[in-house]
Protein backbone atom coordinates (compact mmCIF):
# COMPACT_ATOMS: atom_id res chain seq x y z
CA UNK A 1 10.83 -76.50 20.48
CA UNK A 2 10.47 -74.18 17.38
CA UNK A 3 6.85 -75.00 17.82
CA UNK A 4 7.18 -73.88 21.29
CA UNK A 5 9.07 -70.76 20.60
CA UNK A 6 6.61 -69.79 17.75
CA UNK A 7 4.00 -70.35 19.96
CA UNK A 8 5.04 -67.92 22.72
CA UNK A 9 6.16 -65.43 19.99
CA UNK A 10 2.42 -65.39 19.19
CA UNK A 11 1.13 -65.02 22.68
CA UNK A 12 3.73 -62.09 23.63
CA UNK A 13 2.03 -60.36 20.21
CA UNK A 14 -1.67 -60.85 21.03
CA UNK A 15 -0.80 -59.02 24.66
CA UNK A 16 1.06 -56.14 23.40
CA UNK A 17 -1.67 -55.70 21.06
CA UNK A 18 -3.95 -55.71 23.87
CA UNK A 19 -1.82 -53.14 25.85
CA UNK A 20 -1.93 -50.62 22.87
CA UNK A 21 -5.64 -51.12 22.20
CA UNK A 22 -5.93 -50.52 26.18
CA UNK A 23 -3.64 -47.30 25.76
CA UNK A 24 -5.82 -46.09 23.04
CA UNK A 25 -8.95 -46.32 25.14
CA UNK A 26 -7.59 -44.47 27.48
CA UNK A 27 -6.27 -41.54 25.26
CA UNK A 28 -9.69 -41.43 23.87
CA UNK A 29 -11.85 -41.55 26.95
CA UNK A 30 -11.28 -39.70 30.72
CA UNK A 31 -12.92 -40.22 33.44
CA UNK A 32 -14.34 -36.69 35.83
CA UNK A 33 -14.48 -37.02 39.37
CA UNK A 34 -16.95 -34.01 39.91
CA UNK A 35 -20.55 -34.54 40.01
CA UNK A 36 -20.95 -32.22 37.10
CA UNK A 37 -19.74 -31.23 33.62
CA UNK A 38 -19.01 -27.99 32.05
CA UNK A 39 -18.03 -27.42 28.40
CA UNK A 40 -16.35 -23.81 27.13
CA UNK A 41 -15.84 -23.21 23.60
CA UNK A 42 -15.60 -20.74 21.16
CA UNK A 43 -14.36 -19.67 17.61
CA UNK A 44 -12.96 -16.87 15.48
CA UNK A 45 -9.82 -15.89 17.37
CA UNK A 46 -7.29 -13.79 15.36
CA UNK A 47 -3.59 -13.97 16.41
CA UNK A 48 -2.34 -10.41 15.42
CA UNK A 49 -5.82 -9.64 17.99
CA UNK A 50 -5.74 -9.31 21.84
CA UNK A 51 -8.14 -11.76 23.31
CA UNK A 52 -9.66 -10.59 26.57
CA UNK A 53 -11.57 -13.53 26.94
CA UNK A 54 -9.55 -16.47 28.55
CA UNK A 55 -9.04 -15.32 32.12
CA UNK A 56 -13.20 -14.65 31.94
CA UNK A 57 -13.72 -18.56 30.45
CA UNK A 58 -11.68 -19.77 33.12
CA UNK A 59 -14.02 -18.01 36.06
CA UNK A 60 -16.43 -20.82 34.54
CA UNK A 61 -14.16 -24.03 35.67
CA UNK A 62 -15.04 -25.94 32.35
CA UNK A 63 -13.56 -29.17 32.15
CA UNK A 64 -12.78 -28.85 28.54
CA UNK A 65 -12.19 -26.15 25.96
CA UNK A 66 -13.25 -26.66 22.38
CA UNK A 67 -12.10 -24.86 19.63
CA UNK A 68 -14.57 -24.41 17.00
CA UNK A 69 -12.65 -23.48 14.33
CA UNK A 70 -10.18 -20.20 13.15
CA UNK A 71 -8.10 -21.11 15.75
CA UNK A 72 -5.96 -18.46 13.94
CA UNK A 73 -6.71 -16.42 10.69
CA UNK A 74 -3.75 -17.91 7.89
CA UNK A 75 -5.05 -17.90 4.65
CA UNK A 76 -2.31 -19.03 2.97
CA UNK A 77 -0.42 -21.70 0.63
CA UNK A 78 2.85 -20.75 2.36
CA UNK A 79 3.71 -23.52 5.50
CA UNK A 80 6.24 -21.74 6.78
CA UNK A 81 4.32 -18.77 7.50
CA UNK A 82 1.18 -20.71 8.84
CA UNK A 83 3.69 -22.73 11.07
CA UNK A 84 4.49 -19.28 12.33
CA UNK A 85 1.47 -17.82 13.14
CA UNK A 86 0.42 -20.43 15.12
CA UNK A 87 3.11 -20.69 17.12
CA UNK A 88 2.55 -16.79 17.61
CA UNK A 89 -1.19 -18.03 19.13
CA UNK A 90 0.52 -20.76 21.04
CA UNK A 91 2.92 -18.41 22.98
CA UNK A 92 0.80 -15.67 23.38
CA UNK A 93 1.39 -15.77 27.73
CA UNK A 94 -2.48 -15.39 28.42
CA UNK A 95 -3.08 -18.49 26.27
CA UNK A 96 0.01 -19.99 28.07
CA UNK A 97 -1.61 -20.24 30.96
CA UNK A 98 -4.87 -21.33 30.33
CA UNK A 99 -3.86 -23.93 28.43
CA UNK A 100 -2.34 -25.04 31.18
CA UNK A 101 -5.25 -25.37 33.35
CA UNK A 102 -7.68 -27.01 31.04
CA UNK A 103 -7.71 -30.01 28.49
CA UNK A 104 -8.26 -29.02 24.79
CA UNK A 105 -9.83 -30.20 21.86
CA UNK A 106 -10.24 -28.56 18.77
CA UNK A 107 -11.56 -28.80 14.87
CA UNK A 108 -10.31 -26.20 12.22
CA UNK A 109 -12.56 -23.96 9.71
CA UNK A 110 -11.51 -22.13 6.70
CA UNK A 111 -8.70 -19.39 8.40
CA UNK A 112 -6.80 -21.73 9.73
CA UNK A 113 -7.21 -24.58 7.38
CA UNK A 114 -5.85 -22.14 4.98
CA UNK A 115 -7.99 -20.75 1.97
CA UNK A 116 -11.61 -18.74 3.04
CA UNK A 117 -14.35 -20.75 2.47
CA UNK A 118 -11.99 -23.35 1.25
CA UNK A 119 -13.03 -27.31 0.94
CA UNK A 120 -11.31 -29.93 -0.88
CA UNK A 121 -9.83 -28.09 -3.25
CA UNK A 122 -7.34 -26.73 -0.73
CA UNK A 123 -3.87 -27.85 -2.22
CA UNK A 124 -2.29 -27.73 1.08
CA UNK A 125 -4.68 -29.50 3.36
CA UNK A 126 -2.23 -32.42 4.39
CA UNK A 127 0.34 -29.97 5.45
CA UNK A 128 -1.84 -27.74 7.02
CA UNK A 129 -3.43 -30.40 9.25
CA UNK A 130 0.13 -31.28 10.34
CA UNK A 131 0.40 -28.03 11.59
CA UNK A 132 -3.12 -27.63 12.97
CA UNK A 133 -2.30 -31.12 15.05
CA UNK A 134 1.18 -29.91 16.02
CA UNK A 135 -0.52 -26.79 17.67
CA UNK A 136 -2.95 -29.18 19.51
CA UNK A 137 -0.18 -31.27 20.98
CA UNK A 138 -1.17 -34.46 19.14
CA UNK A 139 1.29 -37.25 19.50
CA UNK A 140 3.35 -37.91 16.55
CA UNK A 141 2.45 -41.44 16.63
CA UNK A 142 -1.18 -40.91 16.71
CA UNK A 143 -3.44 -42.08 14.43
CA UNK A 144 -4.78 -38.59 13.48
CA UNK A 145 -1.26 -37.73 11.89
CA UNK A 146 -1.98 -40.87 9.21
CA UNK A 147 -5.82 -39.77 8.64
CA UNK A 148 -7.46 -37.84 6.45
CA UNK A 149 -8.78 -35.30 7.86
CA UNK A 150 -8.94 -33.46 11.47
CA UNK A 151 -12.40 -35.42 13.07
CA UNK A 152 -12.19 -37.14 16.42
CA UNK A 153 -14.11 -38.17 19.21
CA UNK A 154 -13.27 -38.28 22.91
CA UNK A 155 -15.90 -39.92 25.56
CA UNK A 156 -16.13 -38.58 29.25
CA UNK A 157 -17.44 -40.85 32.00
CA UNK A 158 -19.25 -38.15 34.67
CA UNK A 159 -20.85 -41.24 37.57
CA UNK A 160 -23.05 -43.26 36.31
CA UNK A 161 -23.22 -40.50 32.71
CA UNK A 162 -21.26 -40.06 29.80
CA UNK A 163 -20.98 -37.65 27.35
CA UNK A 164 -19.74 -37.96 23.67
CA UNK A 165 -17.90 -34.80 21.72
CA UNK A 166 -17.62 -35.77 18.56
CA UNK A 167 -15.45 -33.18 16.58
CA UNK A 168 -16.08 -32.90 12.37
CA UNK A 169 -14.13 -31.58 9.84
CA UNK A 170 -16.22 -29.70 7.40
CA UNK A 171 -13.28 -28.86 5.38
CA UNK A 172 -10.89 -31.50 4.21
CA UNK A 173 -13.79 -33.03 2.42
CA UNK A 174 -16.72 -30.59 1.37
CA UNK A 175 -17.08 -30.58 -2.08
CA UNK A 176 -17.87 -27.25 -4.32
CA UNK A 177 -20.35 -24.60 -3.34
CA UNK A 178 -22.99 -23.13 -5.61
CA UNK A 179 -21.97 -18.98 -5.94
CA UNK A 180 -25.87 -16.66 -5.97
CA UNK A 181 -25.08 -14.54 -8.80
CA UNK A 182 -28.60 -13.18 -8.76
CA UNK A 183 -28.96 -11.66 -4.99
CA UNK A 184 -26.47 -10.39 -2.81
CA UNK A 185 -25.79 -13.89 -1.09
CA UNK A 186 -22.61 -15.54 -1.20
CA UNK A 187 -24.37 -19.09 -1.81
CA UNK A 188 -27.05 -20.66 -2.73
CA UNK A 189 -28.17 -24.24 -2.33
CA UNK A 190 -26.67 -26.88 -4.56
CA UNK A 191 -28.92 -28.86 -6.02
CA UNK A 192 -30.15 -31.56 -4.31
CA UNK A 193 -28.05 -34.28 -3.83
CA UNK A 194 -25.05 -32.69 -5.08
CA UNK A 195 -21.77 -32.12 -3.02
CA UNK A 196 -20.67 -33.89 0.00
CA UNK A 197 -19.85 -32.00 3.19
CA UNK A 198 -17.68 -34.46 5.27
CA UNK A 199 -16.89 -37.20 2.08
CA UNK A 200 -18.04 -41.17 2.53
CA UNK A 201 -15.14 -42.21 5.03
CA UNK A 202 -15.74 -39.27 7.88
CA UNK A 203 -19.80 -39.66 7.24
CA UNK A 204 -19.23 -43.68 7.82
CA UNK A 205 -17.29 -42.40 10.97
CA UNK A 206 -20.09 -40.86 12.26
CA UNK A 207 -22.73 -43.15 11.73
CA UNK A 208 -20.30 -45.85 13.39
CA UNK A 209 -20.06 -43.09 16.49
CA UNK A 210 -23.61 -42.66 16.37
CA UNK A 211 -24.73 -46.15 16.69
CA UNK A 212 -22.28 -47.27 19.08
CA UNK A 213 -22.99 -44.36 21.52
CA UNK A 214 -24.14 -45.02 25.03
CA UNK A 215 -23.77 -41.60 25.88
CA UNK A 216 -26.28 -39.62 28.01
CA UNK A 217 -25.40 -37.03 25.70
CA UNK A 218 -23.72 -36.69 22.15
CA UNK A 219 -22.08 -33.25 21.12
CA UNK A 220 -21.08 -32.84 17.55
CA UNK A 221 -18.98 -29.68 17.09
CA UNK A 222 -19.06 -28.03 13.40
CA UNK A 223 -17.34 -25.55 12.37
CA UNK A 224 -20.03 -24.10 10.41
CA UNK A 225 -23.45 -23.58 11.40
CA UNK A 226 -25.94 -26.73 10.98
CA UNK A 227 -29.87 -25.34 11.43
CA UNK A 228 -29.20 -21.33 10.51
CA UNK A 229 -28.79 -20.80 6.59
CA UNK A 230 -30.74 -18.50 5.11
CA UNK A 231 -28.19 -16.04 5.62
CA UNK A 232 -26.65 -17.34 2.44
CA UNK A 233 -22.77 -17.41 3.94
CA UNK A 234 -20.96 -21.06 4.45
CA UNK A 235 -23.81 -23.36 6.33
CA UNK A 236 -24.64 -27.25 5.86
CA UNK A 237 -27.90 -25.50 4.26
CA UNK A 238 -25.66 -25.35 1.35
CA UNK A 239 -26.47 -28.68 0.96
CA UNK A 240 -29.72 -29.56 1.76
CA UNK A 241 -29.16 -33.28 1.40
CA UNK A 242 -26.81 -33.38 3.79
CA UNK A 243 -28.27 -31.90 6.23
CA UNK A 244 -31.50 -34.22 6.13
CA UNK A 245 -28.45 -37.09 6.31
CA UNK A 246 -27.66 -35.77 9.77
CA UNK A 247 -31.00 -35.44 11.29
CA UNK A 248 -32.25 -38.96 9.96
CA UNK A 249 -28.55 -40.19 11.60
CA UNK A 250 -29.26 -39.05 14.48
CA UNK A 251 -33.36 -40.37 14.69
CA UNK A 252 -31.81 -44.09 13.13
CA UNK A 253 -29.11 -44.25 15.59
CA UNK A 254 -31.16 -43.19 18.62
CA UNK A 255 -28.24 -41.10 19.67
CA UNK A 256 -29.37 -39.64 22.63
CA UNK A 257 -29.90 -35.90 23.65
CA UNK A 258 -27.71 -34.39 20.50
CA UNK A 259 -26.31 -31.00 20.47
CA UNK A 260 -24.61 -29.18 18.16
CA UNK A 261 -22.05 -26.52 18.49
CA UNK A 262 -21.00 -23.99 15.81
CA UNK A 263 -19.12 -20.91 15.05
CA UNK A 264 -17.59 -19.28 11.88
CA UNK A 265 -20.16 -16.33 11.87
CA UNK A 266 -18.91 -13.97 14.37
CA UNK A 267 -21.82 -13.74 16.21
CA UNK A 268 -23.69 -15.99 18.64
CA UNK A 269 -27.19 -17.73 18.30
CA UNK A 270 -29.48 -20.46 19.58
CA UNK A 271 -31.40 -22.52 16.79
CA UNK A 272 -33.62 -24.88 17.82
CA UNK A 273 -35.49 -27.63 15.48
CA UNK A 274 -38.28 -30.13 16.33
CA UNK A 275 -37.72 -33.23 14.40
CA UNK A 276 -40.49 -35.77 13.46
CA UNK A 277 -39.91 -38.89 15.65
CA UNK A 278 -37.20 -37.17 17.74
CA UNK A 279 -37.68 -37.05 21.38
CA UNK A 280 -35.64 -34.01 21.84
CA UNK A 281 -35.41 -30.71 20.23
CA UNK A 282 -32.31 -30.38 18.09
CA UNK A 283 -30.28 -26.81 19.36
CA UNK A 284 -27.30 -25.83 17.17
CA UNK A 285 -25.40 -23.55 19.63
CA UNK A 286 -23.18 -20.71 17.83
CA UNK A 287 -20.68 -19.27 19.26
CA UNK A 288 -18.20 -17.27 17.62
CA UNK A 289 -16.19 -13.92 17.74
CA UNK A 290 -13.35 -14.06 20.15
CA UNK A 291 -11.01 -11.28 18.82
CA UNK A 292 -13.64 -10.21 16.78
CA UNK A 293 -17.55 -10.00 16.10
CA UNK A 294 -20.07 -8.81 13.72
CA UNK A 295 -20.79 -5.37 15.71
CA UNK A 296 -22.42 -3.58 12.31
CA UNK A 297 -25.13 -6.86 12.36
CA UNK A 298 -27.97 -5.33 10.96
CA UNK A 299 -30.75 -8.48 11.28
CA UNK A 300 -30.93 -11.51 9.15
CA UNK A 301 -33.54 -14.45 9.18
CA UNK A 302 -33.15 -17.44 10.91
CA UNK A 303 -36.60 -19.16 11.31
CA UNK A 304 -35.01 -21.64 14.14
CA UNK A 305 -33.49 -18.54 16.27
CA UNK A 306 -34.19 -18.59 20.15
CA UNK A 307 -33.26 -15.56 21.96
CA UNK A 308 -31.66 -12.86 20.13
CA UNK A 309 -28.62 -12.70 17.97
CA UNK A 310 -25.28 -11.73 20.16
CA UNK A 311 -22.89 -9.76 18.06
CA UNK A 312 -19.94 -8.64 20.64
CA UNK A 313 -17.26 -10.66 21.55
CA UNK A 314 -18.17 -13.92 23.28
CA UNK A 315 -17.83 -17.90 24.51
CA UNK A 316 -19.85 -20.47 24.84
CA UNK A 317 -20.85 -22.27 28.02
CA UNK A 318 -22.76 -25.76 28.63
CA UNK A 319 -23.70 -26.74 32.09
CA UNK A 320 -25.06 -30.31 32.24
CA UNK A 321 -27.11 -31.09 35.30
CA UNK A 322 -27.66 -34.87 35.01
CA UNK A 323 -29.82 -35.12 38.16
CA UNK A 324 -32.73 -32.87 36.10
CA UNK A 325 -31.45 -34.17 32.70
CA UNK A 326 -30.99 -30.19 31.73
CA UNK A 327 -28.35 -28.38 30.35
CA UNK A 328 -27.89 -24.67 30.75
CA UNK A 329 -26.38 -23.02 27.65
CA UNK A 330 -24.85 -19.55 27.98
CA UNK A 331 -23.11 -16.78 25.79
CA UNK A 332 -20.35 -15.22 27.98
CA UNK A 333 -18.24 -11.88 27.03
CA UNK A 334 -16.03 -9.73 28.65
CA UNK A 335 -15.92 -9.83 32.41
CA UNK A 336 -17.65 -12.94 31.99
CA UNK A 337 -20.65 -11.10 31.43
CA UNK A 338 -23.97 -13.02 30.84
CA UNK A 339 -25.19 -12.29 27.42
CA UNK A 340 -27.83 -14.66 26.79
CA UNK A 341 -29.19 -17.89 28.21
CA UNK A 342 -31.12 -21.26 27.26
CA UNK A 343 -32.27 -23.97 29.40
CA UNK A 344 -33.12 -26.85 27.79
CA UNK A 345 -34.54 -29.92 29.33
CA UNK A 346 -34.33 -33.72 28.16
């Protein structure tokens, strides 16, 4: 009798595990009933400043909004102050109305992480992570509460097509940068091979996501720019070996139609690079400056730039046309004005 009870208990445990796995899968994927898919994203939002863009973003009928970092500005080790700043943003009436009608995904950058240009050395990163997850309403039992770093992935199915959105954490594990003491630039590239942008665990996670992806499009969200690096501020170019590593990973995993979204710079621009043996150009779409922007921008080099730099307040839009296998990428600003557009065929 005890034997049969043990077998019955084992069956119940296995069934429970299957149910839990199914629930987990449902959380990490969504089915979209429309024929198209629209992503809106942006970064650099000061909770103390007015944001006039929420209604304009809604006019584009996005399926999802992605915070690309700097959700708030709170460079501090005072977690009570950080919590207050998140709450101030969360309770703003225009954001409350916006967040009621759209799914929100997010990663952080330095100013919501808690330390300007900060990385792994920030002593309050564990506590800050919980406050960030509170802001985006991540369940207390969600696995993101136990992992180190805020990286995350979600898949969307649109009829016979799919989009994978991969949100990277370029703060929690990022090792030291090298100050430029010779020129007027803030940083110069590390010695090749020195330093990590994502840390070992996150790199392995990203590799698995791309290797196992069957998505029609893979969207990688990086809070800092990937392709543009000549300006000397923070970028993946501070660690050239990490740039090579990600480009090689995209190639060797055969990840289809990968697009990078970035922020941080208080300006918006398109960067495009043709990579050997990759069948499509890699685009880094930077959208930054929701409440404040680089209004005195005088120019800077970017060998991969497509079009012009937009130094006005703006947000980004991506419209996916699966029938024609194209993505229309737009920078939009106040009054939903179209500032610049790039249409890429895949």
